[in-house]
Protein backbone atom coordinates (compact mmCIF):
# COMPACT_ATOMS: atom_id res chain seq x y z
CA MET A 1 6.50 28.35 -20.81
CA GLU A 2 10.09 28.73 -21.44
CA LEU A 3 13.33 26.51 -19.96
CA GLY A 4 14.65 30.62 -18.60
CA SER A 5 11.27 31.36 -16.57
CA VAL A 6 10.94 28.15 -14.82
CA GLY A 7 12.15 28.80 -10.39
CA ALA A 8 10.50 25.69 -9.40
CA VAL A 9 9.13 22.10 -10.34
CA LEU A 10 5.57 19.81 -8.33
CA MET A 11 6.56 16.87 -8.25
CA ILE A 12 3.26 14.70 -8.04
CA GLY A 13 2.77 11.01 -7.23
CA HIS A 14 -0.33 8.63 -7.53
CA PHE A 15 -0.45 5.41 -6.11
CA ILE A 16 -3.18 2.84 -5.99
CA VAL A 17 -2.55 1.21 -2.72
CA SER A 18 -5.02 -2.28 -1.94
CA ILE A 19 -6.51 -2.52 1.97
CA PHE A 20 -3.26 -5.47 2.47
CA ASN A 21 -0.84 -3.22 1.51
CA VAL A 22 0.29 -4.21 -1.54
CA GLN A 23 0.40 -1.00 -4.91
CA LEU A 24 -1.56 -2.00 -7.70
CA GLY A 25 0.84 -1.40 -10.55
CA VAL A 26 3.82 0.99 -11.39
CA PRO A 27 2.90 4.78 -10.00
CA VAL A 28 2.36 7.24 -12.16
CA ILE A 29 4.58 9.97 -11.44
CA TYR A 30 4.40 13.95 -13.14
CA THR A 31 6.34 17.22 -12.89
CA MET A 32 4.43 20.88 -13.37
CA PRO A 33 6.55 23.37 -13.98
CA PHE A 34 6.21 27.11 -11.87
CA THR A 35 7.62 30.29 -12.41
CA THR A 36 8.35 30.64 -8.64
CA MET A 37 8.33 28.50 -5.74
CA GLU A 38 5.29 30.89 -4.05
CA GLN A 39 3.04 29.72 -7.17
CA CYS A 40 4.52 25.85 -6.77
CA GLU A 41 3.89 25.85 -3.14
CA VAL A 42 -0.45 27.25 -3.88
CA TYR A 43 -1.14 24.58 -5.97
CA ASN A 44 0.37 21.76 -3.94
CA GLU A 45 -2.09 22.93 -1.19
CA PHE A 46 -5.12 21.86 -3.42
CA LEU A 47 -4.01 18.33 -4.05
CA PRO A 48 -5.07 15.98 -1.92
CA LYS A 49 -3.18 14.90 1.21
CA GLN A 50 -5.82 12.14 2.95
CA PRO A 51 -6.00 8.44 0.70
CA ILE A 52 -9.60 8.67 -1.08
CA GLN A 53 -10.89 5.53 -1.38
CA ILE A 54 -11.93 3.86 -4.43
CA ASP A 55 -14.19 1.13 -2.94
CA ILE A 56 -13.68 -1.27 0.18
CA GLU A 57 -10.09 -2.91 -1.14
CA TRP A 58 -8.69 0.18 -2.73
CA MET A 59 -7.62 3.68 -1.16
CA HIS A 60 -5.69 6.07 -4.20
CA HIS A 61 -2.76 8.07 -2.28
CA THR A 62 -1.41 11.25 -3.62
CA ARG A 63 1.77 12.08 -2.67
CA SER A 64 3.26 15.90 -4.17
CA GLN A 65 6.54 17.84 -3.19
CA CYS A 66 7.99 21.25 -4.28
CA PHE A 67 11.32 21.07 -5.69
CA THR A 68 13.61 24.47 -6.70
CA ILE A 69 14.22 23.94 -10.58
CA ALA A 70 18.55 23.46 -9.18
CA GLN A 71 16.85 20.72 -7.08
CA PHE A 72 15.58 19.05 -9.62
CA GLN A 73 17.73 19.51 -12.36
CA GLU A 74 20.59 17.45 -9.56
CA MET A 75 17.94 15.24 -9.52
CA GLN A 76 17.37 14.01 -12.98
CA ARG A 77 21.29 14.38 -13.06
CA GLN A 78 21.71 11.91 -10.58
CA GLN A 79 18.84 8.98 -11.88
CA MET A 80 20.52 9.35 -15.22
CA GLN A 81 23.97 8.78 -13.46
CA SER A 82 22.48 5.55 -12.11
CA GLN A 83 20.88 4.57 -15.38
CA GLN A 84 23.70 4.92 -16.85
CA GLY A 85 25.85 2.76 -14.05
CA THR A 86 28.18 6.00 -13.26
CA ALA A 87 28.56 6.95 -9.36
CA PRO A 88 26.98 10.52 -8.74
CA VAL A 89 29.60 13.28 -8.75
CA PRO A 90 29.04 16.32 -6.16
CA PRO A 91 27.97 19.35 -8.40
CA GLN A 92 30.60 21.56 -8.79
CA LYS A 93 31.06 24.98 -7.54
CA GLY A 94 28.37 27.72 -9.21
CA ASP A 95 26.96 24.93 -11.17
CA GLU A 96 23.93 25.42 -8.64
CA GLY A 97 20.66 26.58 -11.13
CA VAL A 98 22.35 26.08 -14.42
């Protein structure tokens, strides 16, 4: 899928949590590109919404959300700026969806 054909991104996070509400390790977070927001939302409906019991102590939680490509790129920009220690700058008029 070429970058120009991506219209939406599904971000998925997997978390393992104990019955004492203690998270086991870091969550696994990944993204999946989609051509349209509608495709993203359809795929998102197939993901589990309720926690899944792994054993007596541990539960598997899945969190997911669709973003437009512009929203996703803005989140990436803010993340990079926070890692570089610079203050986030609001996007300029006309930069949406770049």
